[in-house]
């Protein structure tokens, strides 16, 4: 989900069209030689809007802008193709963070099976998205989800596990059994059941990727969030164990530990907070896709802090 764009002003000059160069000739690698090329090889037609610009800018800007545009196009295409042909399972796909993670994988060209207890295909207007409702906090629910994904797509290349829940405000001495069980059911057991189901098939692919979302509280616990912190710490240990056990099969498993994420739910829960210090979900999503791609193949067993400005 994120990217940069070039905003043109009246003093910018854009290349309107470029004729294709023959094989072996790459104008972008030979800027000084452009003026010597025959027009039939490399022709730039420019649309010029002049606003207090000297003649040197007029002469140089069309070439520079062309190269900038080509770089942006190439970068965009690389991003679009990064996950092409990959099947990604995203848990919590329509949650505060899951929305961004799912969209980021779709933008990267992946086929995404998105799951949550309540989810529908219309949540994402993309033909590459499939909604599968499931409760993965039980062994049966996790296995049933896996069976549906495999039946439809044949394999799972990437598991992006974003499911999580938070309950706080009680000391350890005051934490009731129901709260403790809920934190572990959602934050730990769901990951365990799903990993147990996914790993055997993922090992066969030779390059499976697992990325889980933990919490800063796993490494930096505070008063009143004991059950939550413990469940997230257990998740870290689980993911690192998976990384160690499956590196021989070319798999990687990593866990991201965000600080407070800037989601609508968190803004409602903490209305007077300085949200400028919070972590942007789009940035986490970009990291998840990077870890799942070719560039992240050498990162395994990592516990990655993403704390924003609140450090």
Protein backbone atom coordinates (compact mmCIF):
# COMPACT_ATOMS: atom_id res chain seq x y z
CA UNK A 1 0.00 0.00 0.00
CA UNK A 2 2.43 3.55 -0.54
CA UNK A 3 4.49 5.28 -3.14
CA UNK A 4 5.81 8.57 -4.32
CA UNK A 5 4.60 10.71 -7.20
CA UNK A 6 6.01 13.59 -9.21
CA UNK A 7 3.93 16.77 -9.07
CA UNK A 8 4.52 18.92 -12.13
CA UNK A 9 4.37 22.72 -12.05
CA UNK A 10 4.13 25.22 -14.88
CA UNK A 11 7.91 25.29 -15.19
CA UNK A 12 8.14 21.54 -15.86
CA UNK A 13 8.60 20.12 -19.32
CA UNK A 14 7.20 16.70 -20.12
CA UNK A 15 8.13 14.29 -22.87
CA UNK A 16 4.89 13.66 -24.72
CA UNK A 17 6.09 10.73 -26.81
CA UNK A 18 9.25 8.79 -27.56
CA UNK A 19 9.92 6.53 -30.51
CA UNK A 20 11.36 3.15 -29.63
CA UNK A 21 15.13 2.81 -29.95
CA UNK A 22 16.61 -0.21 -31.73
CA UNK A 23 17.95 -3.05 -29.62
CA UNK A 24 21.29 -2.22 -28.03
CA UNK A 25 20.71 1.54 -27.96
CA UNK A 26 19.62 2.91 -24.60
CA UNK A 27 19.37 6.71 -24.60
CA UNK A 28 18.95 6.85 -20.85
CA UNK A 29 22.52 5.57 -20.45
CA UNK A 30 24.04 8.08 -22.86
CA UNK A 31 22.60 11.51 -22.14
CA UNK A 32 25.41 13.54 -23.84
CA UNK A 33 24.88 11.60 -27.08
CA UNK A 34 21.18 12.26 -27.39
CA UNK A 35 21.59 15.35 -29.56
CA UNK A 36 23.69 13.36 -32.04
CA UNK A 37 21.18 10.58 -32.52
CA UNK A 38 19.10 10.59 -35.63
CA UNK A 39 15.52 11.64 -35.08
CA UNK A 40 14.35 8.30 -36.43
CA UNK A 41 16.09 6.59 -33.52
CA UNK A 42 15.19 8.83 -30.64
CA UNK A 43 12.63 11.59 -31.02
CA UNK A 44 11.29 13.66 -28.18
CA UNK A 45 8.21 15.71 -28.69
CA UNK A 46 7.69 18.19 -25.92
CA UNK A 47 4.80 20.17 -24.66
CA UNK A 48 6.29 23.31 -23.16
CA UNK A 49 4.55 25.65 -20.79
CA UNK A 50 6.87 28.60 -20.14
CA UNK A 51 6.89 30.54 -16.91
CA UNK A 52 10.03 32.56 -16.17
CA UNK A 53 12.46 29.86 -17.35
CA UNK A 54 15.81 30.54 -19.02
CA UNK A 55 16.90 28.96 -22.29
CA UNK A 56 19.20 26.42 -20.60
CA UNK A 57 16.25 24.94 -18.73
CA UNK A 58 14.25 24.75 -21.94
CA UNK A 59 17.05 22.84 -23.64
CA UNK A 60 17.71 20.39 -20.83
CA UNK A 61 14.39 19.80 -19.09
CA UNK A 62 12.69 17.62 -21.74
CA UNK A 63 15.49 15.05 -21.57
CA UNK A 64 15.65 15.09 -17.77
CA UNK A 65 11.87 14.81 -17.41
CA UNK A 66 11.78 11.93 -19.87
CA UNK A 67 14.37 10.04 -17.88
CA UNK A 68 12.59 10.77 -14.60
CA UNK A 69 9.30 9.54 -16.02
CA UNK A 70 10.89 6.40 -17.41
CA UNK A 71 12.46 5.68 -14.00
CA UNK A 72 9.10 6.11 -12.27
CA UNK A 73 7.39 3.87 -14.82
CA UNK A 74 10.08 1.21 -14.47
CA UNK A 75 9.89 1.35 -10.67
CA UNK A 76 6.11 1.04 -10.77
CA UNK A 77 6.27 -1.95 -13.10
CA UNK A 78 8.84 -3.69 -10.92
CA UNK A 79 6.57 -3.19 -7.89
CA UNK A 80 3.57 -4.49 -9.79
CA UNK A 81 5.43 -7.62 -10.88
CA UNK A 82 7.15 -8.32 -7.55
CA UNK A 83 4.49 -10.78 -6.34
CA UNK A 84 2.99 -11.79 -9.69
CA UNK A 85 2.17 -15.49 -9.72
CA UNK A 86 2.27 -15.73 -5.91
CA UNK A 87 -0.64 -16.79 -3.73
CA UNK A 88 -0.80 -14.90 -0.45
CA UNK A 89 -2.96 -15.73 2.55
CA UNK A 90 -3.66 -12.66 4.68
CA UNK A 91 -5.35 -13.17 8.03
CA UNK A 92 -7.37 -10.30 9.46
CA UNK A 93 -7.51 -9.04 5.88
CA UNK A 94 -10.19 -6.42 6.49
CA UNK A 95 -8.84 -5.18 9.82
CA UNK A 96 -7.19 -1.86 10.53
CA UNK A 97 -3.77 -3.07 9.36
CA UNK A 98 -4.96 -5.99 7.27
CA UNK A 99 -6.68 -3.65 4.82
CA UNK A 100 -3.35 -2.07 3.96
CA UNK A 101 -1.44 -5.35 3.85
CA UNK A 102 -4.01 -6.93 1.54
CA UNK A 103 -4.05 -3.94 -0.79
CA UNK A 104 -0.26 -3.81 -0.87
CA UNK A 105 -0.05 -7.42 -2.02
CA UNK A 106 -2.76 -6.83 -4.63
CA UNK A 107 -0.87 -3.79 -5.89
CA UNK A 108 2.27 -5.96 -6.14
CA UNK A 109 0.45 -8.38 -8.44
CA UNK A 110 -0.30 -11.20 -6.01
CA UNK A 111 -3.40 -13.33 -5.79
CA UNK A 112 -4.72 -12.79 -2.27
CA UNK A 113 -6.91 -15.03 -0.19
CA UNK A 114 -8.12 -12.80 2.61
CA UNK A 115 -9.65 -14.21 5.74
CA UNK A 116 -11.47 -12.90 8.78
CA UNK A 117 -14.48 -14.01 10.77
CA UNK A 118 -16.60 -11.67 8.68
CA UNK A 119 -15.33 -10.78 5.22
CA UNK A 120 -16.67 -10.53 1.69
CA UNK A 121 -15.21 -10.17 -1.79
CA UNK A 122 -16.62 -6.66 -2.13
CA UNK A 123 -14.20 -5.48 0.59
CA UNK A 124 -11.60 -5.24 -2.20
CA UNK A 125 -12.57 -4.37 -5.73
CA UNK A 126 -9.96 -6.57 -7.35
CA UNK A 127 -10.44 -9.81 -9.29
CA UNK A 128 -7.29 -11.20 -7.68
CA UNK A 129 -8.88 -11.08 -4.21
CA UNK A 130 -10.86 -13.96 -2.71
CA UNK A 131 -12.66 -13.64 0.61
CA UNK A 132 -12.83 -16.69 2.87
CA UNK A 133 -14.59 -16.34 6.22
CA UNK A 134 -12.99 -18.42 8.97
CA UNK A 135 -12.30 -18.59 12.69
CA UNK A 136 -8.65 -19.56 13.00
CA UNK A 137 -8.61 -19.54 16.80
CA UNK A 138 -9.52 -23.25 16.70
CA UNK A 139 -7.61 -26.13 15.10
CA UNK A 140 -10.63 -27.05 13.00
CA UNK A 141 -11.10 -23.50 11.75
CA UNK A 142 -7.44 -23.13 10.73
CA UNK A 143 -7.38 -26.48 8.95
CA UNK A 144 -10.66 -25.73 7.19
CA UNK A 145 -9.31 -22.40 5.96
CA UNK A 146 -6.16 -24.02 4.60
CA UNK A 147 -8.19 -26.69 2.79
CA UNK A 148 -10.31 -24.03 1.09
CA UNK A 149 -7.31 -22.01 -0.05
CA UNK A 150 -5.49 -25.07 -1.41
CA UNK A 151 -8.62 -26.33 -3.15
CA UNK A 152 -9.01 -23.00 -4.92
CA UNK A 153 -5.42 -21.93 -5.60
CA UNK A 154 -3.32 -25.07 -5.21
CA UNK A 155 -0.68 -23.57 -2.95
CA UNK A 156 0.22 -20.84 -0.47
CA UNK A 157 3.45 -18.97 -1.13
CA UNK A 158 3.11 -16.32 1.57
CA UNK A 159 1.34 -16.18 4.92
CA UNK A 160 0.83 -12.66 6.26
CA UNK A 161 -0.63 -13.04 9.72
CA UNK A 162 -2.09 -9.74 10.94
CA UNK A 163 -4.73 -11.07 13.35
CA UNK A 164 -4.55 -9.65 16.85
CA UNK A 165 -6.60 -8.41 19.77
CA UNK A 166 -5.92 -6.16 22.74
CA UNK A 167 -7.28 -6.14 26.26
CA UNK A 168 -5.62 -4.17 29.04
CA UNK A 169 -6.19 -2.30 32.26
CA UNK A 170 -5.73 -5.16 34.71
CA UNK A 171 -2.72 -6.18 36.72
CA UNK A 172 -1.60 -9.80 36.59
CA UNK A 173 -3.16 -10.37 40.01
CA UNK A 174 -6.50 -9.06 38.73
CA UNK A 175 -6.52 -10.70 35.30
CA UNK A 176 -9.37 -13.19 34.97
CA UNK A 177 -9.16 -16.49 33.15
CA UNK A 178 -11.41 -15.38 30.31
CA UNK A 179 -9.21 -12.40 29.46
CA UNK A 180 -6.05 -14.47 29.60
CA UNK A 181 -7.53 -17.18 27.37
CA UNK A 182 -8.83 -14.63 24.86
CA UNK A 183 -5.42 -12.98 24.48
CA UNK A 184 -3.74 -16.30 23.85
CA UNK A 185 -6.51 -17.65 21.62
CA UNK A 186 -6.34 -14.67 19.27
CA UNK A 187 -2.70 -13.59 19.51
CA UNK A 188 -0.94 -16.93 19.86
CA UNK A 189 -3.13 -19.99 19.32
CA UNK A 190 -4.47 -18.75 15.99
CA UNK A 191 -0.91 -18.41 14.67
CA UNK A 192 0.08 -21.82 16.02
CA UNK A 193 -2.90 -23.63 14.49
CA UNK A 194 -2.45 -21.92 11.14
CA UNK A 195 1.31 -22.46 10.99
CA UNK A 196 0.89 -26.13 11.83
CA UNK A 197 -1.47 -26.45 8.88
CA UNK A 198 0.46 -24.28 6.41
CA UNK A 199 4.09 -25.29 6.93
CA UNK A 200 4.06 -28.82 5.39
CA UNK A 201 2.78 -27.55 2.04
CA UNK A 202 4.88 -24.40 2.15
CA UNK A 203 8.07 -26.41 2.61
CA UNK A 204 7.43 -28.03 -0.77
CA UNK A 205 7.49 -24.68 -2.58
CA UNK A 206 11.15 -24.11 -1.67
CA UNK A 207 10.70 -20.42 -0.94
CA UNK A 208 7.78 -20.00 1.46
CA UNK A 209 7.44 -16.72 3.33
CA UNK A 210 5.82 -16.10 6.70
CA UNK A 211 5.40 -12.63 8.17
CA UNK A 212 3.56 -12.12 11.45
CA UNK A 213 2.53 -8.93 13.19
CA UNK A 214 3.48 -8.87 16.85
CA UNK A 215 3.67 -5.86 19.14
CA UNK A 216 6.20 -3.64 20.83
CA UNK A 217 4.71 -4.92 24.08
CA UNK A 218 6.30 -8.30 23.38
CA UNK A 219 9.73 -6.81 24.07
CA UNK A 220 8.75 -3.80 26.14
CA UNK A 221 5.87 -4.83 28.44
CA UNK A 222 4.14 -2.35 30.68
CA UNK A 223 1.87 -2.44 33.70
CA UNK A 224 -1.71 -3.44 33.09
CA UNK A 225 -1.17 -5.35 29.84
CA UNK A 226 0.29 -8.58 31.16
CA UNK A 227 -1.89 -11.05 29.26
CA UNK A 228 -1.53 -9.14 26.01
CA UNK A 229 2.24 -8.76 26.34
CA UNK A 230 2.72 -12.42 27.25
CA UNK A 231 0.69 -13.60 24.24
CA UNK A 232 2.68 -11.41 21.87
CA UNK A 233 5.98 -12.52 23.39
CA UNK A 234 4.93 -16.12 22.85
CA UNK A 235 4.21 -15.27 19.20
CA UNK A 236 7.75 -13.96 18.77
CA UNK A 237 9.19 -17.20 20.12
CA UNK A 238 6.89 -19.23 17.88
CA UNK A 239 7.88 -17.39 14.69
CA UNK A 240 11.59 -17.57 15.46
CA UNK A 241 11.25 -21.30 16.09
CA UNK A 242 9.51 -21.72 12.73
CA UNK A 243 12.38 -19.84 11.08
CA UNK A 244 14.97 -22.14 12.62
CA UNK A 245 13.06 -25.33 11.82
CA UNK A 246 12.37 -24.55 8.17
CA UNK A 247 15.40 -22.70 6.86
CA UNK A 248 16.56 -25.94 5.24
CA UNK A 249 13.49 -25.76 2.96
CA UNK A 250 14.25 -22.22 1.80
CA UNK A 251 11.53 -20.73 3.98
CA UNK A 252 11.75 -17.54 5.99
CA UNK A 253 9.69 -16.46 8.98
CA UNK A 254 9.86 -13.00 10.52
CA UNK A 255 7.85 -10.97 12.98
CA UNK A 256 7.24 -7.22 12.95
CA UNK A 257 6.74 -5.41 16.25
CA UNK A 258 4.83 -2.17 15.67
CA UNK A 259 4.24 0.53 18.19
CA UNK A 260 0.77 2.08 18.24
CA UNK A 261 -0.65 1.86 14.72
CA UNK A 262 -2.60 4.77 13.32
CA UNK A 263 -5.94 3.05 12.75
CA UNK A 264 -9.49 4.36 13.17
CA UNK A 265 -10.02 2.02 16.13
CA UNK A 266 -6.94 3.33 17.94
CA UNK A 267 -7.94 6.93 17.27
CA UNK A 268 -11.33 6.25 18.82
CA UNK A 269 -9.77 4.47 21.79
CA UNK A 270 -7.18 7.20 22.45
CA UNK A 271 -8.81 10.41 21.18
CA UNK A 272 -6.32 12.87 22.67
CA UNK A 273 -3.12 11.12 21.56
CA UNK A 274 -0.44 12.69 19.41
CA UNK A 275 -1.05 10.52 16.34
CA UNK A 276 1.95 12.03 14.54
CA UNK A 277 4.07 9.64 16.63
CA UNK A 278 2.09 6.59 15.62
CA UNK A 279 3.09 4.08 12.97
CA UNK A 280 1.42 4.44 9.58
CA UNK A 281 -0.19 1.16 8.49
CA UNK A 282 0.87 1.69 4.88
CA UNK A 283 4.52 1.65 5.97
CA UNK A 284 4.08 -1.63 7.82
CA UNK A 285 2.33 -3.09 4.78
CA UNK A 286 5.24 -2.09 2.54
CA UNK A 287 7.63 -3.85 4.90
CA UNK A 288 5.50 -7.00 4.89
CA UNK A 289 5.54 -7.14 1.08
CA UNK A 290 9.29 -6.51 1.03
CA UNK A 291 9.94 -9.37 3.45
CA UNK A 292 7.75 -11.63 1.32
CA UNK A 293 9.56 -10.73 -1.90
CA UNK A 294 12.89 -11.62 -3.44
CA UNK A 295 14.67 -8.72 -1.75
CA UNK A 296 13.80 -10.12 1.67
CA UNK A 297 14.98 -13.67 1.08
CA UNK A 298 18.05 -13.30 3.33
CA UNK A 299 16.05 -12.02 6.30
CA UNK A 300 15.00 -14.91 8.51
CA UNK A 301 14.11 -15.18 12.18
CA UNK A 302 14.15 -11.40 12.51
CA UNK A 303 12.25 -9.47 15.16
CA UNK A 304 11.77 -6.06 13.57
CA UNK A 305 10.80 -3.03 15.68
CA UNK A 306 8.66 -0.42 13.94
CA UNK A 307 7.99 2.18 16.63
CA UNK A 308 7.39 5.33 14.60
CA UNK A 309 8.40 8.51 16.42
CA UNK A 310 7.39 7.18 19.82
CA UNK A 311 10.79 5.78 20.83
